[in-house]
Protein backbone atom coordinates (compact mmCIF):
# COMPACT_ATOMS: atom_id res chain seq x y z
CA MET A 1 -28.23 -23.75 -27.61
CA LYS A 2 -25.20 -25.61 -26.23
CA ARG A 3 -22.87 -22.79 -27.35
CA ILE A 4 -24.95 -20.19 -25.50
CA TYR A 5 -25.03 -22.36 -22.38
CA VAL A 6 -21.24 -22.96 -22.45
CA THR A 7 -20.52 -19.27 -23.12
CA GLY A 8 -22.82 -18.26 -20.25
CA LEU A 9 -21.21 -20.80 -17.95
CA LEU A 10 -17.72 -19.55 -18.85
CA ALA A 11 -18.79 -15.95 -18.23
CA LEU A 12 -20.20 -16.93 -14.83
CA MET A 13 -17.00 -18.80 -13.91
CA LEU A 14 -14.88 -15.81 -14.90
CA ALA A 15 -17.08 -13.44 -12.91
CA LEU A 16 -16.85 -15.67 -9.84
CA THR A 17 -13.06 -15.93 -10.22
CA PHE A 18 -12.63 -12.16 -10.46
CA SER A 19 -14.97 -11.46 -7.55
CA SER A 20 -13.27 -14.06 -5.34
CA ASN A 21 -9.86 -12.56 -6.21
CA ALA A 22 -11.15 -9.10 -5.29
CA LEU A 23 -12.58 -10.50 -2.08
CA ALA A 24 -9.28 -12.18 -1.23
CA ALA A 25 -7.43 -8.92 -1.81
CA SER A 26 -9.83 -7.02 0.42
CA LYS A 27 -9.14 -9.46 3.27
CA LYS A 28 -5.52 -8.26 3.44
CA ASP A 29 -4.65 -5.18 5.47
CA ILE A 30 -2.92 -2.16 3.98
CA VAL A 31 0.61 -3.38 4.73
CA ASP A 32 0.06 -6.91 3.40
CA THR A 33 -1.66 -5.58 0.28
CA ALA A 34 1.23 -3.20 -0.45
CA VAL A 35 3.86 -5.89 0.14
CA ALA A 36 1.99 -8.36 -2.10
CA ALA A 37 1.85 -5.78 -4.91
CA GLY A 38 5.66 -5.80 -5.13
CA ASP A 39 6.03 -2.10 -6.06
CA PHE A 40 6.28 -0.83 -2.50
CA LYS A 41 9.47 -2.38 -1.10
CA THR A 42 10.90 0.99 -0.10
CA LEU A 43 7.64 2.02 1.55
CA ALA A 44 7.52 -1.27 3.47
CA ALA A 45 11.13 -0.80 4.64
CA ALA A 46 10.36 2.78 5.71
CA LEU A 47 7.23 1.71 7.61
CA LYS A 48 9.30 -0.91 9.44
CA ALA A 49 12.09 1.57 10.25
CA ALA A 50 9.51 4.08 11.52
CA GLY A 51 7.71 1.50 13.66
CA LEU A 52 4.43 2.07 11.81
CA VAL A 53 3.75 -1.44 10.49
CA ASP A 54 1.52 -2.44 13.42
CA THR A 55 -0.38 0.86 13.17
CA LEU A 56 -1.23 0.30 9.49
CA LYS A 57 -2.13 -3.31 10.23
CA GLY A 58 -4.59 -1.99 12.85
CA ALA A 59 -8.35 -1.61 12.59
CA GLY A 60 -8.32 1.76 10.81
CA PRO A 61 -9.89 2.60 8.52
CA PHE A 62 -7.05 4.44 6.80
CA THR A 63 -6.56 6.01 3.40
CA VAL A 64 -2.96 5.73 2.27
CA PHE A 65 -1.43 7.68 -0.59
CA ALA A 66 1.28 5.12 -1.29
CA PRO A 67 4.42 6.12 -3.20
CA THR A 68 5.90 3.38 -5.36
CA ASP A 69 9.56 2.36 -5.35
CA ALA A 70 9.96 4.53 -8.47
CA ALA A 71 8.56 7.50 -6.50
CA PHE A 72 11.17 7.02 -3.78
CA ALA A 73 13.85 6.72 -6.47
CA LYS A 74 13.03 10.30 -7.57
CA LEU A 75 14.33 11.66 -4.25
CA PRO A 76 17.90 12.98 -4.24
CA ALA A 77 20.58 10.28 -3.94
CA GLY A 78 21.09 9.09 -0.38
CA THR A 79 17.81 10.56 0.95
CA VAL A 80 16.06 7.23 1.56
CA GLU A 81 19.14 5.66 3.16
CA ASP A 82 19.49 8.69 5.41
CA LEU A 83 15.82 8.61 6.44
CA LEU A 84 16.05 4.92 7.34
CA LYS A 85 18.75 5.58 9.95
CA PRO A 86 17.52 5.24 13.57
CA GLU A 87 18.51 8.81 14.38
CA ASN A 88 16.09 10.08 11.71
CA LYS A 89 13.08 8.05 12.88
CA GLU A 90 11.09 11.14 13.95
CA LYS A 91 11.52 12.77 10.53
CA LEU A 92 10.61 9.50 8.78
CA VAL A 93 7.46 9.13 10.90
CA ALA A 94 6.46 12.71 10.02
CA ILE A 95 6.87 11.99 6.30
CA LEU A 96 5.07 8.65 6.33
CA THR A 97 2.13 9.85 8.43
CA TYR A 98 1.76 12.72 5.93
CA HIS A 99 0.70 10.01 3.44
CA VAL A 100 -2.14 8.73 5.65
CA VAL A 101 -5.64 10.13 6.17
CA SER A 102 -8.00 8.75 8.83
CA GLY A 103 -11.07 7.09 7.39
CA LYS A 104 -11.73 5.38 4.09
CA VAL A 105 -11.74 7.99 1.32
CA MET A 106 -12.55 6.46 -2.05
CA ALA A 107 -11.62 8.09 -5.39
CA LYS A 108 -15.16 9.38 -5.92
CA ASP A 109 -14.78 11.27 -2.62
CA VAL A 110 -11.18 12.43 -3.17
CA VAL A 111 -12.16 14.34 -6.30
CA LYS A 112 -14.59 16.44 -4.24
CA LEU A 113 -11.87 17.57 -1.82
CA THR A 114 -9.49 20.52 -1.97
CA GLU A 115 -7.48 19.29 1.00
CA ALA A 116 -7.35 16.43 3.48
CA LYS A 117 -5.98 16.40 7.00
CA THR A 118 -3.33 13.72 7.43
CA VAL A 119 -2.51 11.65 10.48
CA ASN A 120 0.62 13.80 10.76
CA GLY A 121 -1.66 16.75 11.62
CA LYS A 122 -0.94 18.73 8.46
CA SER A 123 -3.17 18.87 5.40
CA VAL A 124 -2.36 17.77 1.87
CA LYS A 125 -3.75 19.75 -1.05
CA VAL A 126 -6.01 17.80 -3.39
CA MET A 127 -6.66 18.92 -6.95
CA ALA A 128 -8.83 17.18 -9.53
CA LYS A 129 -8.58 18.44 -13.10
CA GLY A 130 -9.11 16.86 -16.48
CA GLY A 131 -9.84 13.44 -15.01
CA LYS A 132 -6.58 13.42 -13.07
CA VAL A 133 -6.05 13.84 -9.35
CA MET A 134 -3.02 15.31 -7.62
CA VAL A 135 -2.18 15.20 -3.94
CA ASP A 136 0.26 18.05 -3.28
CA SER A 137 2.65 17.60 -6.24
CA ALA A 138 2.09 13.84 -6.68
CA ASN A 139 -0.11 12.33 -9.36
CA VAL A 140 -2.54 9.65 -8.27
CA VAL A 141 -1.83 6.83 -10.72
CA LYS A 142 -4.08 4.08 -9.33
CA THR A 143 -7.08 4.38 -7.03
CA ASP A 144 -9.34 2.40 -4.74
CA ILE A 145 -7.18 -0.58 -3.86
CA GLN A 146 -9.49 -1.96 -1.19
CA CYS A 147 -7.99 -3.45 1.95
CA SER A 148 -9.54 -4.93 5.08
CA ASN A 149 -8.68 -1.78 7.04
CA GLY A 150 -8.93 0.95 4.43
CA VAL A 151 -7.91 1.90 0.92
CA ILE A 152 -4.71 2.62 -0.98
CA HIS A 153 -4.28 5.21 -3.73
CA VAL A 154 -0.95 4.87 -5.54
CA ILE A 155 1.05 8.06 -6.16
CA ASP A 156 4.10 8.77 -8.31
CA SER A 157 6.03 10.99 -5.86
CA VAL A 158 6.84 11.05 -2.18
CA LEU A 159 4.87 13.70 -0.28
CA LEU A 160 7.00 15.94 1.91
CA PRO A 161 5.29 17.93 4.66
CA GLN A 162 5.91 21.67 4.54
């Protein structure tokens, strides 16, 4: 009887720990969540250079298809450095806002879409096949990272508006 009680108590403690961690994560906005993850240093630098940090810390809700540092590293050498220059701010804003959709679109909803209009004004193509989702040519590698002002879906490539 004691073993069952202790096991049940441990399970309850673990459940409460995981739910409080999830709750703590959801209290952070999109920018703070991405920065805390550690895999989005380039994205954070680009958002700062583009003057979009305050926007993505705003009320939202937003859905962000967030490229990792590895995704930015796939771009041709010198591309990121060039985009971060003040004279290229307009181009950088166009690229970054192409990664953002107004509203909170969860994975279960994304798979029903064929396209989504971005904050940039252009639409990204969405394709779900074989349990995988692609946004334009990027693979969605992690979904539904809940934030206080929206949701992040992690992608493996930088989206470039056509």
